[in-house]
PDB file of N, CA and C in Angstrom:
ATOM      1  N   MET A   1      12.342 -10.759 -32.014  1.00  0.00           N
ATOM      2  CA  MET A   1      10.945 -10.431 -31.515  1.00  0.00           C
ATOM      3  C   MET A   1      10.627  -9.207 -32.148  1.00  0.00           C
ATOM      4  N   LYS A   2       9.337  -9.174 -32.618  1.00  0.00           N
ATOM      5  CA  LYS A   2       8.731  -7.948 -33.182  1.00  0.00           C
ATOM      6  C   LYS A   2       8.299  -6.951 -32.124  1.00  0.00           C
ATOM      7  N   LYS A   3       8.730  -5.751 -32.480  1.00  0.00           N
ATOM      8  CA  LYS A   3       8.282  -4.623 -31.453  1.00  0.00           C
ATOM      9  C   LYS A   3       6.787  -4.231 -31.622  1.00  0.00           C
ATOM     10  N   LEU A   4       6.005  -4.206 -30.520  1.00  0.00           N
ATOM     11  CA  LEU A   4       4.682  -4.070 -30.582  1.00  0.00           C
ATOM     12  C   LEU A   4       4.291  -2.555 -30.627  1.00  0.00           C
ATOM     13  N   ALA A   5       5.100  -1.832 -30.050  1.00  0.00           N
ATOM     14  CA  ALA A   5       4.911  -0.333 -29.940  1.00  0.00           C
ATOM     15  C   ALA A   5       6.177   0.449 -30.166  1.00  0.00           C
ATOM     16  N   THR A   6       5.881   1.770 -30.611  1.00  0.00           N
ATOM     17  CA  THR A   6       7.182   2.640 -30.708  1.00  0.00           C
ATOM     18  C   THR A   6       7.125   3.547 -29.471  1.00  0.00           C
ATOM     19  N   LEU A   7       8.191   4.050 -29.119  1.00  0.00           N
ATOM     20  CA  LEU A   7       8.371   5.015 -28.025  1.00  0.00           C
ATOM     21  C   LEU A   7       8.154   6.453 -28.401  1.00  0.00           C
ATOM     22  N   ARG A   8       8.142   6.634 -29.826  1.00  0.00           N
ATOM     23  CA  ARG A   8       7.905   7.878 -30.364  1.00  0.00           C
ATOM     24  C   ARG A   8       6.450   8.206 -30.501  1.00  0.00           C
ATOM     25  N   SER A   9       5.921   9.292 -30.072  1.00  0.00           N
ATOM     26  CA  SER A   9       4.450   9.563 -30.181  1.00  0.00           C
ATOM     27  C   SER A   9       4.179  10.140 -31.578  1.00  0.00           C
ATOM     28  N   ARG A  10       3.058   9.732 -32.099  1.00  0.00           N
ATOM     29  CA  ARG A  10       2.676  10.244 -33.480  1.00  0.00           C
ATOM     30  C   ARG A  10       1.660  11.294 -33.321  1.00  0.00           C
ATOM     31  N   THR A  11       1.450  11.797 -32.072  1.00  0.00           N
ATOM     32  CA  THR A  11       0.432  12.814 -31.963  1.00  0.00           C
ATOM     33  C   THR A  11       0.958  14.204 -32.427  1.00  0.00           C
ATOM     34  N   ASN A  12       0.036  14.934 -32.926  1.00  0.00           N
ATOM     35  CA  ASN A  12       0.495  16.337 -33.473  1.00  0.00           C
ATOM     36  C   ASN A  12       0.291  17.257 -32.302  1.00  0.00           C
ATOM     37  N   TRP A  13       1.457  17.396 -31.465  1.00  0.00           N
ATOM     38  CA  TRP A  13       1.376  18.167 -30.273  1.00  0.00           C
ATOM     39  C   TRP A  13       1.111  19.677 -30.575  1.00  0.00           C
ATOM     40  N   LYS A  14       1.692  20.141 -31.619  1.00  0.00           N
ATOM     41  CA  LYS A  14       1.473  21.543 -32.063  1.00  0.00           C
ATOM     42  C   LYS A  14       0.019  21.923 -32.201  1.00  0.00           C
ATOM     43  N   ARG A  15      -0.584  20.950 -32.955  1.00  0.00           N
ATOM     44  CA  ARG A  15      -2.053  21.094 -33.127  1.00  0.00           C
ATOM     45  C   ARG A  15      -2.965  20.909 -31.829  1.00  0.00           C
ATOM     46  N   VAL A  16      -2.444  20.029 -30.867  1.00  0.00           N
ATOM     47  CA  VAL A  16      -3.145  19.893 -29.692  1.00  0.00           C
ATOM     48  C   VAL A  16      -3.055  21.121 -28.765  1.00  0.00           C
ATOM     49  N   ASP A  17      -1.852  21.720 -28.782  1.00  0.00           N
ATOM     50  CA  ASP A  17      -1.473  22.938 -27.950  1.00  0.00           C
ATOM     51  C   ASP A  17      -2.282  24.102 -28.538  1.00  0.00           C
ATOM     52  N   ALA A  18      -2.544  24.221 -29.829  1.00  0.00           N
ATOM     53  CA  ALA A  18      -3.205  25.302 -30.337  1.00  0.00           C
ATOM     54  C   ALA A  18      -4.673  25.173 -30.241  1.00  0.00           C
ATOM     55  N   LEU A  19      -5.244  24.061 -29.914  1.00  0.00           N
ATOM     56  CA  LEU A  19      -6.720  23.834 -29.709  1.00  0.00           C
ATOM     57  C   LEU A  19      -7.274  24.629 -28.464  1.00  0.00           C
ATOM     58  N   LYS A  20      -8.283  25.351 -28.649  1.00  0.00           N
ATOM     59  CA  LYS A  20      -8.806  26.172 -27.647  1.00  0.00           C
ATOM     60  C   LYS A  20      -9.914  25.217 -26.880  1.00  0.00           C
ATOM     61  N   ASP A  21      -9.933  25.616 -25.578  1.00  0.00           N
ATOM     62  CA  ASP A  21     -10.788  24.693 -24.758  1.00  0.00           C
ATOM     63  C   ASP A  21     -12.311  24.538 -25.324  1.00  0.00           C
ATOM     64  N   ASP A  22     -12.788  25.799 -25.760  1.00  0.00           N
ATOM     65  CA  ASP A  22     -14.183  25.745 -26.234  1.00  0.00           C
ATOM     66  C   ASP A  22     -14.444  24.895 -27.473  1.00  0.00           C
ATOM     67  N   ARG A  23     -13.237  24.472 -28.131  1.00  0.00           N
ATOM     68  CA  ARG A  23     -13.398  23.605 -29.442  1.00  0.00           C
ATOM     69  C   ARG A  23     -13.375  22.210 -29.090  1.00  0.00           C
ATOM     70  N   ILE A  24     -13.115  21.808 -27.817  1.00  0.00           N
ATOM     71  CA  ILE A  24     -12.923  20.307 -27.403  1.00  0.00           C
ATOM     72  C   ILE A  24     -14.438  19.829 -27.263  1.00  0.00           C
ATOM     73  N   ASP A  25     -14.546  18.638 -27.803  1.00  0.00           N
ATOM     74  CA  ASP A  25     -15.850  17.947 -27.702  1.00  0.00           C
ATOM     75  C   ASP A  25     -15.846  16.987 -26.502  1.00  0.00           C
ATOM     76  N   PHE A  26     -16.752  17.286 -25.546  1.00  0.00           N
ATOM     77  CA  PHE A  26     -16.742  16.539 -24.191  1.00  0.00           C
ATOM     78  C   PHE A  26     -18.105  15.768 -24.226  1.00  0.00           C
ATOM     79  N   SER A  27     -18.882  15.842 -25.345  1.00  0.00           N
ATOM     80  CA  SER A  27     -20.207  15.185 -25.421  1.00  0.00           C
ATOM     81  C   SER A  27     -20.199  13.551 -25.011  1.00  0.00           C
ATOM     82  N   ASP A  28     -19.066  13.022 -25.156  1.00  0.00           N
ATOM     83  CA  ASP A  28     -19.074  11.578 -24.886  1.00  0.00           C
ATOM     84  C   ASP A  28     -18.301  11.339 -23.536  1.00  0.00           C
ATOM     85  N   THR A  29     -18.056  12.293 -22.880  1.00  0.00           N
ATOM     86  CA  THR A  29     -17.326  12.221 -21.570  1.00  0.00           C
ATOM     87  C   THR A  29     -18.398  12.457 -20.448  1.00  0.00           C
ATOM     88  N   PRO A  30     -18.671  11.468 -19.563  1.00  0.00           N
ATOM     89  CA  PRO A  30     -19.537  11.680 -18.474  1.00  0.00           C
ATOM     90  C   PRO A  30     -19.091  12.665 -17.468  1.00  0.00           C
ATOM     91  N   GLU A  31     -20.050  13.478 -16.852  1.00  0.00           N
ATOM     92  CA  GLU A  31     -19.786  14.422 -15.760  1.00  0.00           C
ATOM     93  C   GLU A  31     -19.162  13.539 -14.526  1.00  0.00           C
ATOM     94  N   LEU A  32     -18.085  14.068 -14.027  1.00  0.00           N
ATOM     95  CA  LEU A  32     -17.546  13.518 -12.726  1.00  0.00           C
ATOM     96  C   LEU A  32     -18.346  13.721 -11.626  1.00  0.00           C
ATOM     97  N   THR A  33     -19.013  12.608 -11.105  1.00  0.00           N
ATOM     98  CA  THR A  33     -19.837  12.696  -9.819  1.00  0.00           C
ATOM     99  C   THR A  33     -19.021  12.439  -8.598  1.00  0.00           C
ATOM    100  N   PRO A  34     -19.442  12.778  -7.461  1.00  0.00           N
ATOM    101  CA  PRO A  34     -18.870  12.560  -6.200  1.00  0.00           C
ATOM    102  C   PRO A  34     -18.616  11.065  -5.997  1.00  0.00           C
ATOM    103  N   GLU A  35     -19.590  10.184  -6.466  1.00  0.00           N
ATOM    104  CA  GLU A  35     -19.436   8.882  -6.346  1.00  0.00           C
ATOM    105  C   GLU A  35     -18.229   8.238  -7.024  1.00  0.00           C
ATOM    106  N   MET A  36     -18.117   8.781  -8.378  1.00  0.00           N
ATOM    107  CA  MET A  36     -16.958   8.375  -9.095  1.00  0.00           C
ATOM    108  C   MET A  36     -15.654   8.830  -8.487  1.00  0.00           C
ATOM    109  N   PHE A  37     -15.592  10.022  -7.959  1.00  0.00           N
ATOM    110  CA  PHE A  37     -14.435  10.488  -7.232  1.00  0.00           C
ATOM    111  C   PHE A  37     -14.046   9.549  -6.134  1.00  0.00           C
ATOM    112  N   ALA A  38     -15.092   9.077  -5.364  1.00  0.00           N
ATOM    113  CA  ALA A  38     -14.821   8.324  -4.219  1.00  0.00           C
ATOM    114  C   ALA A  38     -14.329   6.903  -4.562  1.00  0.00           C
ATOM    115  N   ARG A  39     -14.569   6.490  -5.771  1.00  0.00           N
ATOM    116  CA  ARG A  39     -13.948   5.237  -6.247  1.00  0.00           C
ATOM    117  C   ARG A  39     -12.637   5.386  -7.056  1.00  0.00           C
ATOM    118  N   ALA A  40     -12.188   6.594  -7.130  1.00  0.00           N
ATOM    119  CA  ALA A  40     -10.977   6.880  -7.858  1.00  0.00           C
ATOM    120  C   ALA A  40      -9.730   6.203  -7.244  1.00  0.00           C
ATOM    121  N   VAL A  41      -8.790   5.849  -7.964  1.00  0.00           N
ATOM    122  CA  VAL A  41      -7.522   5.160  -7.633  1.00  0.00           C
ATOM    123  C   VAL A  41      -6.304   6.088  -8.013  1.00  0.00           C
ATOM    124  N   VAL A  42      -5.511   6.249  -7.072  1.00  0.00           N
ATOM    125  CA  VAL A  42      -4.232   7.016  -7.430  1.00  0.00           C
ATOM    126  C   VAL A  42      -3.442   6.201  -8.366  1.00  0.00           C
ATOM    127  N   ARG A  43      -2.919   6.791  -9.477  1.00  0.00           N
ATOM    128  CA  ARG A  43      -2.201   6.045 -10.538  1.00  0.00           C
ATOM    129  C   ARG A  43      -0.675   5.975 -10.083  1.00  0.00           C
ATOM    130  N   ARG A  44       0.097   5.030 -10.411  1.00  0.00           N
ATOM    131  CA  ARG A  44       1.472   4.982 -10.277  1.00  0.00           C
ATOM    132  C   ARG A  44       2.243   5.858 -10.969  1.00  0.00           C
ATOM    133  N   GLY A  45       3.313   6.390 -10.461  1.00  0.00           N
ATOM    134  CA  GLY A  45       4.175   7.373 -11.210  1.00  0.00           C
ATOM    135  C   GLY A  45       3.815   8.743 -10.727  1.00  0.00           C
ATOM    136  N   LEU A  46       2.959   8.955  -9.989  1.00  0.00           N
ATOM    137  CA  LEU A  46       2.691  10.305  -9.328  1.00  0.00           C
ATOM    138  C   LEU A  46       3.624  10.428  -8.070  1.00  0.00           C
ATOM    139  N   LYS A  47       3.722  11.638  -7.559  1.00  0.00           N
ATOM    140  CA  LYS A  47       4.577  12.044  -6.415  1.00  0.00           C
ATOM    141  C   LYS A  47       4.131  11.016  -5.283  1.00  0.00           C
ATOM    142  N   PRO A  48       5.092  10.394  -4.677  1.00  0.00           N
ATOM    143  CA  PRO A  48       4.847   9.417  -3.619  1.00  0.00           C
ATOM    144  C   PRO A  48       4.227  10.115  -2.491  1.00  0.00           C
ATOM    145  N   VAL A  49       3.452   9.341  -1.770  1.00  0.00           N
ATOM    146  CA  VAL A  49       2.730   9.920  -0.476  1.00  0.00           C
ATOM    147  C   VAL A  49       3.596   9.404   0.682  1.00  0.00           C
ATOM    148  N   SER A  50       3.542  10.182   1.757  1.00  0.00           N
ATOM    149  CA  SER A  50       4.338   9.834   2.744  1.00  0.00           C
ATOM    150  C   SER A  50       3.854   8.369   3.460  1.00  0.00           C
ATOM    151  N   ARG A  51       4.717   7.794   4.055  1.00  0.00           N
ATOM    152  CA  ARG A  51       4.611   6.405   4.674  1.00  0.00           C
ATOM    153  C   ARG A  51       3.287   6.292   5.468  1.00  0.00           C
ATOM    154  N   LYS A  52       2.522   5.279   5.316  1.00  0.00           N
ATOM    155  CA  LYS A  52       1.335   5.080   6.039  1.00  0.00           C
ATOM    156  C   LYS A  52       1.578   4.496   7.508  1.00  0.00           C
ATOM    157  N   GLU A  53       0.696   4.872   8.379  1.00  0.00           N
ATOM    158  CA  GLU A  53       0.752   4.346   9.739  1.00  0.00           C
ATOM    159  C   GLU A  53      -0.463   3.566  10.170  1.00  0.00           C
ATOM    160  N   GLN A  54      -0.384   2.482  10.791  1.00  0.00           N
ATOM    161  CA  GLN A  54      -1.588   1.743  11.250  1.00  0.00           C
ATOM    162  C   GLN A  54      -2.142   2.388  12.466  1.00  0.00           C
ATOM    163  N   VAL A  55      -3.457   2.650  12.415  1.00  0.00           N
ATOM    164  CA  VAL A  55      -4.143   3.345  13.499  1.00  0.00           C
ATOM    165  C   VAL A  55      -5.468   2.610  13.773  1.00  0.00           C
ATOM    166  N   THR A  56      -6.136   2.879  14.873  1.00  0.00           N
ATOM    167  CA  THR A  56      -7.342   2.400  15.103  1.00  0.00           C
ATOM    168  C   THR A  56      -8.318   3.572  15.332  1.00  0.00           C
ATOM    169  N   ILE A  57      -9.376   3.528  14.568  1.00  0.00           N
ATOM    170  CA  ILE A  57     -10.341   4.522  14.782  1.00  0.00           C
ATOM    171  C   ILE A  57     -11.740   3.997  14.854  1.00  0.00           C
ATOM    172  N   ARG A  58     -12.635   4.605  15.330  1.00  0.00           N
ATOM    173  CA  ARG A  58     -14.027   4.250  15.464  1.00  0.00           C
ATOM    174  C   ARG A  58     -14.860   4.864  14.259  1.00  0.00           C
ATOM    175  N   VAL A  59     -15.481   3.994  13.588  1.00  0.00           N
ATOM    176  CA  VAL A  59     -16.303   4.402  12.436  1.00  0.00           C
ATOM    177  C   VAL A  59     -17.664   3.721  12.538  1.00  0.00           C
ATOM    178  N   ASP A  60     -18.764   4.490  12.202  1.00  0.00           N
ATOM    179  CA  ASP A  60     -20.073   3.796  12.201  1.00  0.00           C
ATOM    180  C   ASP A  60     -20.091   2.584  11.353  1.00  0.00           C
ATOM    181  N   SER A  61     -20.682   1.499  11.884  1.00  0.00           N
ATOM    182  CA  SER A  61     -20.586   0.162  11.247  1.00  0.00           C
ATOM    183  C   SER A  61     -21.189   0.281   9.869  1.00  0.00           C
ATOM    184  N   ASP A  62     -22.217   1.094   9.629  1.00  0.00           N
ATOM    185  CA  ASP A  62     -22.780   1.135   8.286  1.00  0.00           C
ATOM    186  C   ASP A  62     -21.912   1.799   7.231  1.00  0.00           C
ATOM    187  N   VAL A  63     -21.274   2.773   7.824  1.00  0.00           N
ATOM    188  CA  VAL A  63     -20.182   3.287   6.876  1.00  0.00           C
ATOM    189  C   VAL A  63     -19.067   2.378   6.501  1.00  0.00           C
ATOM    190  N   LEU A  64     -18.584   1.714   7.475  1.00  0.00           N
ATOM    191  CA  LEU A  64     -17.423   0.767   7.142  1.00  0.00           C
ATOM    192  C   LEU A  64     -18.007  -0.259   6.189  1.00  0.00           C
ATOM    193  N   GLU A  65     -19.197  -0.887   6.513  1.00  0.00           N
ATOM    194  CA  GLU A  65     -19.617  -1.941   5.611  1.00  0.00           C
ATOM    195  C   GLU A  65     -19.927  -1.363   4.186  1.00  0.00           C
ATOM    196  N   TRP A  66     -20.424  -0.195   4.078  1.00  0.00           N
ATOM    197  CA  TRP A  66     -20.503   0.352   2.656  1.00  0.00           C
ATOM    198  C   TRP A  66     -19.128   0.336   2.008  1.00  0.00           C
ATOM    199  N   TYR A  67     -18.241   0.882   2.597  1.00  0.00           N
ATOM    200  CA  TYR A  67     -16.907   0.862   2.084  1.00  0.00           C
ATOM    201  C   TYR A  67     -16.473  -0.551   1.547  1.00  0.00           C
ATOM    202  N   LYS A  68     -16.497  -1.350   2.602  1.00  0.00           N
ATOM    203  CA  LYS A  68     -16.163  -2.814   2.352  1.00  0.00           C
ATOM    204  C   LYS A  68     -16.945  -3.438   1.090  1.00  0.00           C
ATOM    205  N   LYS A  69     -18.122  -3.102   1.031  1.00  0.00           N
ATOM    206  CA  LYS A  69     -18.930  -3.632  -0.310  1.00  0.00           C
ATOM    207  C   LYS A  69     -18.344  -3.028  -1.541  1.00  0.00           C
ATOM    208  N   GLN A  70     -17.591  -1.968  -1.457  1.00  0.00           N
ATOM    209  CA  GLN A  70     -17.186  -1.434  -2.770  1.00  0.00           C
ATOM    210  C   GLN A  70     -16.152  -2.202  -3.339  1.00  0.00           C
ATOM    211  N   GLY A  71     -15.553  -3.088  -2.605  1.00  0.00           N
ATOM    212  CA  GLY A  71     -14.601  -3.968  -3.057  1.00  0.00           C
ATOM    213  C   GLY A  71     -13.149  -3.771  -2.468  1.00  0.00           C
ATOM    214  N   PRO A  72     -12.227  -4.576  -2.873  1.00  0.00           N
ATOM    215  CA  PRO A  72     -10.879  -4.379  -2.547  1.00  0.00           C
ATOM    216  C   PRO A  72     -10.383  -2.905  -2.650  1.00  0.00           C
ATOM    217  N   GLY A  73      -9.530  -2.550  -1.645  1.00  0.00           N
ATOM    218  CA  GLY A  73      -9.028  -1.043  -1.712  1.00  0.00           C
ATOM    219  C   GLY A  73      -9.770  -0.133  -0.891  1.00  0.00           C
ATOM    220  N   TYR A  74     -10.689  -0.640  -0.102  1.00  0.00           N
ATOM    221  CA  TYR A  74     -11.598   0.310   0.625  1.00  0.00           C
ATOM    222  C   TYR A  74     -10.845   1.151   1.619  1.00  0.00           C
ATOM    223  N   GLN A  75      -9.772   0.547   2.170  1.00  0.00           N
ATOM    224  CA  GLN A  75      -8.992   1.514   3.183  1.00  0.00           C
ATOM    225  C   GLN A  75      -8.300   2.593   2.400  1.00  0.00           C
ATOM    226  N   THR A  76      -7.746   2.323   1.073  1.00  0.00           N
ATOM    227  CA  THR A  76      -7.036   3.205   0.312  1.00  0.00           C
ATOM    228  C   THR A  76      -8.104   4.379  -0.085  1.00  0.00           C
ATOM    229  N   ARG A  77      -9.277   4.028  -0.502  1.00  0.00           N
ATOM    230  CA  ARG A  77     -10.289   4.918  -0.710  1.00  0.00           C
ATOM    231  C   ARG A  77     -10.563   5.902   0.411  1.00  0.00           C
ATOM    232  N   ILE A  78     -10.771   5.219   1.542  1.00  0.00           N
ATOM    233  CA  ILE A  78     -11.046   6.023   2.819  1.00  0.00           C
ATOM    234  C   ILE A  78      -9.874   6.977   2.994  1.00  0.00           C
ATOM    235  N   ASN A  79      -8.622   6.651   2.880  1.00  0.00           N
ATOM    236  CA  ASN A  79      -7.431   7.426   3.053  1.00  0.00           C
ATOM    237  C   ASN A  79      -7.482   8.542   2.052  1.00  0.00           C
ATOM    238  N   ALA A  80      -7.833   8.304   0.880  1.00  0.00           N
ATOM    239  CA  ALA A  80      -7.770   9.334  -0.332  1.00  0.00           C
ATOM    240  C   ALA A  80      -8.820  10.413   0.033  1.00  0.00           C
ATOM    241  N   LEU A  81      -9.981  10.023   0.522  1.00  0.00           N
ATOM    242  CA  LEU A  81     -11.004  10.989   0.938  1.00  0.00           C
ATOM    243  C   LEU A  81     -10.532  11.791   2.095  1.00  0.00           C
ATOM    244  N   LEU A  82      -9.959  11.212   3.062  1.00  0.00           N
ATOM    245  CA  LEU A  82      -9.355  11.910   4.252  1.00  0.00           C
ATOM    246  C   LEU A  82      -8.315  12.904   3.803  1.00  0.00           C
ATOM    247  N   ARG A  83      -7.436  12.566   2.794  1.00  0.00           N
ATOM    248  CA  ARG A  83      -6.444  13.389   2.217  1.00  0.00           C
ATOM    249  C   ARG A  83      -7.129  14.580   1.531  1.00  0.00           C
ATOM    250  N   ALA A  84      -8.092  14.303   0.600  1.00  0.00           N
ATOM    251  CA  ALA A  84      -8.799  15.284  -0.003  1.00  0.00           C
ATOM    252  C   ALA A  84      -9.417  16.434   0.910  1.00  0.00           C
ATOM    253  N   TYR A  85     -10.077  15.959   1.920  1.00  0.00           N
ATOM    254  CA  TYR A  85     -10.489  16.780   2.930  1.00  0.00           C
ATOM    255  C   TYR A  85      -9.429  17.629   3.563  1.00  0.00           C
ATOM    256  N   MET A  86      -8.338  17.026   3.946  1.00  0.00           N
ATOM    257  CA  MET A  86      -7.206  17.630   4.647  1.00  0.00           C
ATOM    258  C   MET A  86      -6.718  18.755   3.758  1.00  0.00           C
ATOM    259  N   GLN A  87      -6.515  18.460   2.398  1.00  0.00           N
ATOM    260  CA  GLN A  87      -6.034  19.492   1.542  1.00  0.00           C
ATOM    261  C   GLN A  87      -6.984  20.648   1.289  1.00  0.00           C
ATOM    262  N   GLU A  88      -8.270  20.353   1.410  1.00  0.00           N
ATOM    263  CA  GLU A  88      -9.304  21.401   1.137  1.00  0.00           C
ATOM    264  C   GLU A  88      -9.600  22.208   2.422  1.00  0.00           C
ATOM    265  N   HIS A  89      -9.085  21.797   3.575  1.00  0.00           N
ATOM    266  CA  HIS A  89      -9.307  22.511   4.818  1.00  0.00           C
ATOM    267  C   HIS A  89      -7.952  22.639   5.557  1.00  0.00           C
ATOM    268  N   PRO A  90      -7.009  23.651   4.917  1.00  0.00           N
ATOM    269  CA  PRO A  90      -5.758  23.623   5.667  1.00  0.00           C
ATOM    270  C   PRO A  90      -5.902  24.111   6.946  1.00  0.00           C
ATOM    271  N   ARG A  91      -4.954  23.782   7.789  1.00  0.00           N
ATOM    272  CA  ARG A  91      -4.913  24.110   9.247  1.00  0.00           C
ATOM    273  C   ARG A  91      -4.997  25.566   9.444  1.00  0.00           C
ATOM    274  N   LYS A  92      -5.773  26.071  10.129  1.00  0.00           N
ATOM    275  CA  LYS A  92      -5.887  27.546  10.514  1.00  0.00           C
ATOM    276  C   LYS A  92      -4.842  27.944  11.412  1.00  0.00           C
ATOM    277  N   SER A  93      -4.151  29.111  11.241  1.00  0.00           N
ATOM    278  CA  SER A  93      -3.191  29.593  12.202  1.00  0.00           C
ATOM    279  C   SER A  93      -3.762  29.906  13.527  1.00  0.00           C
ATOM    280  N   ALA A  94      -2.995  29.539  14.557  1.00  0.00           N
ATOM    281  CA  ALA A  94      -3.425  29.700  15.924  1.00  0.00           C
ATOM    282  C   ALA A  94      -3.493  31.032  16.367  1.00  0.00           C
TER     283      ALA A  94
END
């Protein structure tokens, strides 16, 4: 069977490392909006998150319907937003 890809990168990493940020062309890269962030999905291979627990919470019906209309994974997206909020607002010392 013929190999479709090689494990060895052909990227010139020395050239990439030497490239200054102001020389990178981002003109074809869209600005990240809050809506895009809300739809983001955590990729596999990242540090595992602690085990999830099933809970019951009360959420405004229009908020829940909006998330459900975004498609499968709405609970994961809600969890990701709650995690982002938690990480941005660390517990204050008593």
